[in-house]
Each structure stands twice: as C-alpha cells, then as structure tokens.
Amino acid sequence: MKRTILTMLTAGAFATIAFDTFGQALSPLFGYAKLAPVGLAGATLKSVFGASPSGAAYLLHTLTGLLFYVVGYYAIARPVQRAILPQLPWGVTATVYGAALWVFALYIMAHLVAGMPAFLGFTGITWVALWGHIVYALVAAAVLELRGEVMDLPARTRTVAA
C-alpha cells in the first residue's frame, strides 16, 4: 500500500510537470496558446465558494494533478478497461483518459461550474488543453505501468443454473 501511494504521487508529480511544461512553456514557444490551469482553478473556486483566496487556485491545480487525476486513472480508467477490454494497450487507455480529463476540465469545470464558454469557445487554448491532458495521462500511466501498479476489479463469479 505504501509503495502504491508513493508511486501514485510520483506519477502525479511527473505528469503535472509534463502538463505544465507542455502547456505553459513548449506550446507558447512553438507559437500556440499558453494554458492557464491556475486561472481556471481560481474561477472554479470563485464560482463555487464566492472567493478564491490567494494561493488556493494554485493549490487546487497542484492537488488535482498530483493526486486526483492519477487516482482516476489508477482506480477507475485502467481497472474498467482491463475488465472490459483486457487486451487493449495501456497507452490507448491513457489517451482516452486524457481526452476524458479534457472534457471534465473544459466542459464540466470551465463551462458548467465556472460559467465560461463550453470548451473555452474552441479557441487555440482548447486544443493545447486537449494535448496537455493527453500528455498528462500518458506520463502518469507510464509511471504506474512501469512500476507495475495496476488495480484489478474483483473477479465476478458466475453461477450456472443446473
């Protein structure tokens, strides 16, 4: 259990660094939009709680990347995929999970919670965010997979009537 928690935190740390490096450094360096995940976190906090105290948005972004998103892959995405399509490579699962994170961030959180345009109006930042979330998921999944941290759903026993 201790090894799993340490691996998950490591996966979340590397994935968050990859996400932020891609979205806030590499993307603008190559002439594309710059991600502002802390701004989205601040808008979400303000919408939900009426205020966003100094530092709270950065903390929310960090905790989301370090812990919450990686738990989603470890405890939901990968076990469900292994139960339904066990032969599917983990990279495909991670890519689909990254796209699901993008929908969660840009539709559910940005639009439904914070009141911004859906998918931020499908501007340049929308597509950088898509690739950023896929990069995040691939890095997190790679760390988990390389360390052998894969959660399996309990096997269901079937009884056959005689």
C-alpha atoms as a PDB file:
ATOM      1  CA  MET A   1       0.000   0.000   0.000  1.00  0.00           C
ATOM      2  CA  LYS A   2       2.817   2.412   0.899  1.00  0.00           C
ATOM      3  CA  ARG A   3       4.566   1.597  -2.404  1.00  0.00           C
ATOM      4  CA  THR A   4       1.339   2.211  -4.333  1.00  0.00           C
ATOM      5  CA  ILE A   5       0.759   5.605  -2.709  1.00  0.00           C
ATOM      6  CA  LEU A   6       4.354   6.658  -3.341  1.00  0.00           C
ATOM      7  CA  THR A   7       4.112   5.513  -6.966  1.00  0.00           C
ATOM      8  CA  MET A   8       0.836   7.378  -7.458  1.00  0.00           C
ATOM      9  CA  LEU A   9       2.304  10.584  -6.026  1.00  0.00           C
ATOM     10  CA  THR A  10       5.371  10.168  -8.228  1.00  0.00           C
ATOM     11  CA  ALA A  11       3.176   9.578 -11.285  1.00  0.00           C
ATOM     12  CA  GLY A  12       1.088  12.645 -10.455  1.00  0.00           C
ATOM     13  CA  ALA A  13       4.186  14.790  -9.922  1.00  0.00           C
ATOM     14  CA  PHE A  14       5.834  13.814 -13.205  1.00  0.00           C
ATOM     15  CA  ALA A  15       2.538  14.122 -15.090  1.00  0.00           C
ATOM     16  CA  THR A  16       1.812  17.571 -13.648  1.00  0.00           C
ATOM     17  CA  ILE A  17       5.318  18.746 -14.544  1.00  0.00           C
ATOM     18  CA  ALA A  18       4.829  17.402 -18.082  1.00  0.00           C
ATOM     19  CA  PHE A  19       1.396  19.076 -18.368  1.00  0.00           C
ATOM     20  CA  ASP A  20       2.649  22.442 -17.138  1.00  0.00           C
ATOM     21  CA  THR A  21       5.842  22.293 -19.197  1.00  0.00           C
ATOM     22  CA  PHE A  22       3.890  21.452 -22.331  1.00  0.00           C
ATOM     23  CA  GLY A  23       1.056  23.925 -21.786  1.00  0.00           C
ATOM     24  CA  GLN A  24       2.916  26.860 -20.304  1.00  0.00           C
ATOM     25  CA  ALA A  25       6.347  26.621 -21.924  1.00  0.00           C
ATOM     26  CA  LEU A  26       6.534  24.441 -25.027  1.00  0.00           C
ATOM     27  CA  SER A  27       3.199  25.371 -26.567  1.00  0.00           C
ATOM     28  CA  PRO A  28       3.805  29.145 -26.484  1.00  0.00           C
ATOM     29  CA  LEU A  29       7.429  28.593 -27.514  1.00  0.00           C
ATOM     30  CA  PHE A  30       6.136  26.986 -30.720  1.00  0.00           C
ATOM     31  CA  GLY A  31       3.578  29.757 -31.301  1.00  0.00           C
ATOM     32  CA  TYR A  32       0.489  28.144 -29.811  1.00  0.00           C
ATOM     33  CA  ALA A  33      -1.699  29.179 -26.882  1.00  0.00           C
ATOM     34  CA  LYS A  34      -0.476  29.122 -23.292  1.00  0.00           C
ATOM     35  CA  LEU A  35      -2.516  27.157 -20.777  1.00  0.00           C
ATOM     36  CA  ALA A  36      -3.753  28.861 -17.618  1.00  0.00           C
ATOM     37  CA  PRO A  37      -4.832  25.993 -15.349  1.00  0.00           C
ATOM     38  CA  VAL A  38      -4.425  28.089 -12.201  1.00  0.00           C
ATOM     39  CA  GLY A  39      -6.754  30.699 -13.696  1.00  0.00           C
ATOM     40  CA  LEU A  40      -9.377  28.037 -14.352  1.00  0.00           C
ATOM     41  CA  ALA A  41      -8.943  26.705 -10.811  1.00  0.00           C
ATOM     42  CA  GLY A  42      -9.384  30.247  -9.449  1.00  0.00           C
ATOM     43  CA  ALA A  43     -12.539  30.819 -11.492  1.00  0.00           C
ATOM     44  CA  THR A  44     -13.909  27.495 -10.281  1.00  0.00           C
ATOM     45  CA  LEU A  45     -13.204  28.330  -6.636  1.00  0.00           C
ATOM     46  CA  LYS A  46     -14.777  31.753  -7.029  1.00  0.00           C
ATOM     47  CA  SER A  47     -17.863  30.261  -8.661  1.00  0.00           C
ATOM     48  CA  VAL A  48     -18.301  27.562  -6.019  1.00  0.00           C
ATOM     49  CA  PHE A  49     -17.261  29.445  -2.867  1.00  0.00           C
ATOM     50  CA  GLY A  50     -17.695  33.088  -3.891  1.00  0.00           C
ATOM     51  CA  ALA A  51     -13.982  33.785  -3.443  1.00  0.00           C
ATOM     52  CA  SER A  52     -10.567  32.469  -4.380  1.00  0.00           C
ATOM     53  CA  PRO A  53      -8.104  33.229  -1.594  1.00  0.00           C
ATOM     54  CA  SER A  54      -4.522  33.900  -2.596  1.00  0.00           C
ATOM     55  CA  GLY A  55      -2.745  30.623  -3.309  1.00  0.00           C
ATOM     56  CA  ALA A  56      -5.891  28.483  -3.234  1.00  0.00           C
ATOM     57  CA  ALA A  57      -6.134  28.162  -7.015  1.00  0.00           C
ATOM     58  CA  TYR A  58      -2.501  27.087  -7.298  1.00  0.00           C
ATOM     59  CA  LEU A  59      -3.067  24.565  -4.504  1.00  0.00           C
ATOM     60  CA  LEU A  60      -6.177  23.196  -6.231  1.00  0.00           C
ATOM     61  CA  HIS A  61      -4.288  22.814  -9.531  1.00  0.00           C
ATOM     62  CA  THR A  62      -1.384  21.086  -7.784  1.00  0.00           C
ATOM     63  CA  LEU A  63      -3.571  18.676  -5.795  1.00  0.00           C
ATOM     64  CA  THR A  64      -5.643  17.866  -8.854  1.00  0.00           C
ATOM     65  CA  GLY A  65      -2.556  16.923 -10.843  1.00  0.00           C
ATOM     66  CA  LEU A  66      -0.597  15.337  -8.024  1.00  0.00           C
ATOM     67  CA  LEU A  67      -3.406  13.210  -6.676  1.00  0.00           C
ATOM     68  CA  PHE A  68      -6.953  13.401  -8.026  1.00  0.00           C
ATOM     69  CA  TYR A  69      -6.381  12.806 -11.744  1.00  0.00           C
ATOM     70  CA  VAL A  70      -3.880   9.996 -11.166  1.00  0.00           C
ATOM     71  CA  VAL A  71      -6.295   8.288  -8.773  1.00  0.00           C
ATOM     72  CA  GLY A  72      -8.894   8.427 -11.543  1.00  0.00           C
ATOM     73  CA  TYR A  73      -6.623   6.525 -13.901  1.00  0.00           C
ATOM     74  CA  TYR A  74      -5.448   4.039 -11.261  1.00  0.00           C
ATOM     75  CA  ALA A  75      -8.806   3.322  -9.629  1.00  0.00           C
ATOM     76  CA  ILE A  76     -11.295   3.823 -12.465  1.00  0.00           C
ATOM     77  CA  ALA A  77      -9.977   4.056 -16.036  1.00  0.00           C
ATOM     78  CA  ARG A  78      -7.435   1.250 -16.053  1.00  0.00           C
ATOM     79  CA  PRO A  79      -9.413  -1.295 -13.965  1.00  0.00           C
ATOM     80  CA  VAL A  80     -12.561  -0.762 -16.047  1.00  0.00           C
ATOM     81  CA  GLN A  81     -10.565  -1.089 -19.272  1.00  0.00           C
ATOM     82  CA  ARG A  82      -8.894  -4.299 -18.011  1.00  0.00           C
ATOM     83  CA  ALA A  83     -12.291  -5.742 -17.087  1.00  0.00           C
ATOM     84  CA  ILE A  84     -13.942  -4.875 -20.416  1.00  0.00           C
ATOM     85  CA  LEU A  85     -11.090  -4.927 -22.973  1.00  0.00           C
ATOM     86  CA  PRO A  86      -8.149  -6.666 -21.269  1.00  0.00           C
ATOM     87  CA  GLN A  87      -6.012  -6.798 -24.439  1.00  0.00           C
ATOM     88  CA  LEU A  88      -6.150  -3.036 -25.031  1.00  0.00           C
ATOM     89  CA  PRO A  89      -2.731  -1.429 -24.515  1.00  0.00           C
ATOM     90  CA  TRP A  90      -2.431   0.902 -21.547  1.00  0.00           C
ATOM     91  CA  GLY A  91      -1.330   3.749 -23.865  1.00  0.00           C
ATOM     92  CA  VAL A  92      -4.695   3.689 -25.602  1.00  0.00           C
ATOM     93  CA  THR A  93      -6.454   3.723 -22.241  1.00  0.00           C
ATOM     94  CA  ALA A  94      -4.310   6.655 -21.090  1.00  0.00           C
ATOM     95  CA  THR A  95      -5.023   8.602 -24.286  1.00  0.00           C
ATOM     96  CA  VAL A  96      -8.778   8.115 -23.899  1.00  0.00           C
ATOM     97  CA  TYR A  97      -8.494   9.024 -20.209  1.00  0.00           C
ATOM     98  CA  GLY A  98      -6.611  12.215 -21.136  1.00  0.00           C
ATOM     99  CA  ALA A  99      -9.407  13.168 -23.526  1.00  0.00           C
ATOM    100  CA  ALA A 100     -11.933  12.476 -20.751  1.00  0.00           C
ATOM    101  CA  LEU A 101      -9.954  14.749 -18.410  1.00  0.00           C
ATOM    102  CA  TRP A 102     -10.078  17.438 -21.092  1.00  0.00           C
ATOM    103  CA  VAL A 103     -13.883  17.143 -21.279  1.00  0.00           C
ATOM    104  CA  PHE A 104     -14.064  17.258 -17.486  1.00  0.00           C
ATOM    105  CA  ALA A 105     -11.828  20.337 -17.254  1.00  0.00           C
ATOM    106  CA  LEU A 106     -13.115  22.359 -20.206  1.00  0.00           C
ATOM    107  CA  TYR A 107     -16.774  21.415 -20.245  1.00  0.00           C
ATOM    108  CA  ILE A 108     -17.762  20.412 -16.727  1.00  0.00           C
ATOM    109  CA  MET A 109     -15.470  22.639 -14.665  1.00  0.00           C
ATOM    110  CA  ALA A 110     -14.916  25.616 -17.007  1.00  0.00           C
ATOM    111  CA  HIS A 111     -18.394  25.736 -18.519  1.00  0.00           C
ATOM    112  CA  LEU A 112     -20.891  24.155 -16.142  1.00  0.00           C
ATOM    113  CA  VAL A 113     -19.204  25.181 -12.888  1.00  0.00           C
ATOM    114  CA  ALA A 114     -17.260  28.376 -13.678  1.00  0.00           C
ATOM    115  CA  GLY A 115     -19.641  29.714 -16.357  1.00  0.00           C
ATOM    116  CA  MET A 116     -17.073  30.100 -19.141  1.00  0.00           C
ATOM    117  CA  PRO A 117     -17.889  29.219 -22.755  1.00  0.00           C
ATOM    118  CA  ALA A 118     -18.014  25.460 -23.397  1.00  0.00           C
ATOM    119  CA  PHE A 119     -14.517  24.223 -24.215  1.00  0.00           C
ATOM    120  CA  LEU A 120     -13.411  27.848 -23.857  1.00  0.00           C
ATOM    121  CA  GLY A 121     -15.032  28.654 -27.195  1.00  0.00           C
ATOM    122  CA  PHE A 122     -12.930  26.177 -29.174  1.00  0.00           C
ATOM    123  CA  THR A 123     -10.052  28.636 -29.437  1.00  0.00           C
ATOM    124  CA  GLY A 124      -6.346  27.790 -29.589  1.00  0.00           C
ATOM    125  CA  ILE A 125      -6.213  27.101 -25.861  1.00  0.00           C
ATOM    126  CA  THR A 126      -8.839  24.375 -26.316  1.00  0.00           C
ATOM    127  CA  TRP A 127      -6.571  22.227 -28.454  1.00  0.00           C
ATOM    128  CA  VAL A 128      -3.463  22.867 -26.358  1.00  0.00           C
ATOM    129  CA  ALA A 129      -5.513  21.754 -23.349  1.00  0.00           C
ATOM    130  CA  LEU A 130      -6.546  18.566 -25.160  1.00  0.00           C
ATOM    131  CA  TRP A 131      -2.947  17.642 -25.926  1.00  0.00           C
ATOM    132  CA  GLY A 132      -1.849  18.734 -22.444  1.00  0.00           C
ATOM    133  CA  HIS A 133      -4.351  16.419 -20.768  1.00  0.00           C
ATOM    134  CA  ILE A 134      -3.319  13.552 -23.035  1.00  0.00           C
ATOM    135  CA  VAL A 135       0.353  14.200 -22.205  1.00  0.00           C
ATOM    136  CA  TYR A 136      -0.577  14.244 -18.510  1.00  0.00           C
ATOM    137  CA  ALA A 137      -2.419  10.915 -18.740  1.00  0.00           C
ATOM    138  CA  LEU A 138       0.315   9.208 -20.767  1.00  0.00           C
ATOM    139  CA  VAL A 139       3.039  10.261 -18.315  1.00  0.00           C
ATOM    140  CA  ALA A 140       1.013   9.281 -15.246  1.00  0.00           C
ATOM    141  CA  ALA A 141       0.059   5.943 -16.781  1.00  0.00           C
ATOM    142  CA  ALA A 142       3.637   5.235 -17.876  1.00  0.00           C
ATOM    143  CA  VAL A 143       4.929   5.693 -14.324  1.00  0.00           C
ATOM    144  CA  LEU A 144       2.185   3.472 -12.892  1.00  0.00           C
ATOM    145  CA  GLU A 145       2.658   0.806 -15.551  1.00  0.00           C
ATOM    146  CA  LEU A 146       6.449   0.786 -15.318  1.00  0.00           C
ATOM    147  CA  ARG A 147       6.156   0.279 -11.558  1.00  0.00           C
ATOM    148  CA  GLY A 148       3.554  -2.461 -12.015  1.00  0.00           C
ATOM    149  CA  GLU A 149       0.849  -0.545 -10.150  1.00  0.00           C
ATOM    150  CA  VAL A 150      -2.346  -1.738 -11.786  1.00  0.00           C
ATOM    151  CA  MET A 151      -5.567  -2.192  -9.871  1.00  0.00           C
ATOM    152  CA  ASP A 152      -7.820  -5.045 -10.910  1.00  0.00           C
ATOM    153  CA  LEU A 153     -11.532  -5.124 -10.328  1.00  0.00           C
ATOM    154  CA  PRO A 154     -12.588  -8.144  -8.291  1.00  0.00           C
ATOM    155  CA  ALA A 155     -13.480 -11.110 -10.482  1.00  0.00           C
ATOM    156  CA  ARG A 156     -17.167 -11.888 -10.550  1.00  0.00           C
ATOM    157  CA  THR A 157     -18.110 -15.473 -10.063  1.00  0.00           C
ATOM    158  CA  ARG A 158     -20.876 -16.768 -12.219  1.00  0.00           C
ATOM    159  CA  THR A 159     -23.229 -19.464 -11.133  1.00  0.00           C
ATOM    160  CA  VAL A 160     -24.909 -21.515 -13.774  1.00  0.00           C
ATOM    161  CA  ALA A 161     -28.324 -22.919 -13.025  1.00  0.00           C
ATOM    162  CA  ALA A 162     -28.465 -26.680 -13.415  1.00  0.00           C
END
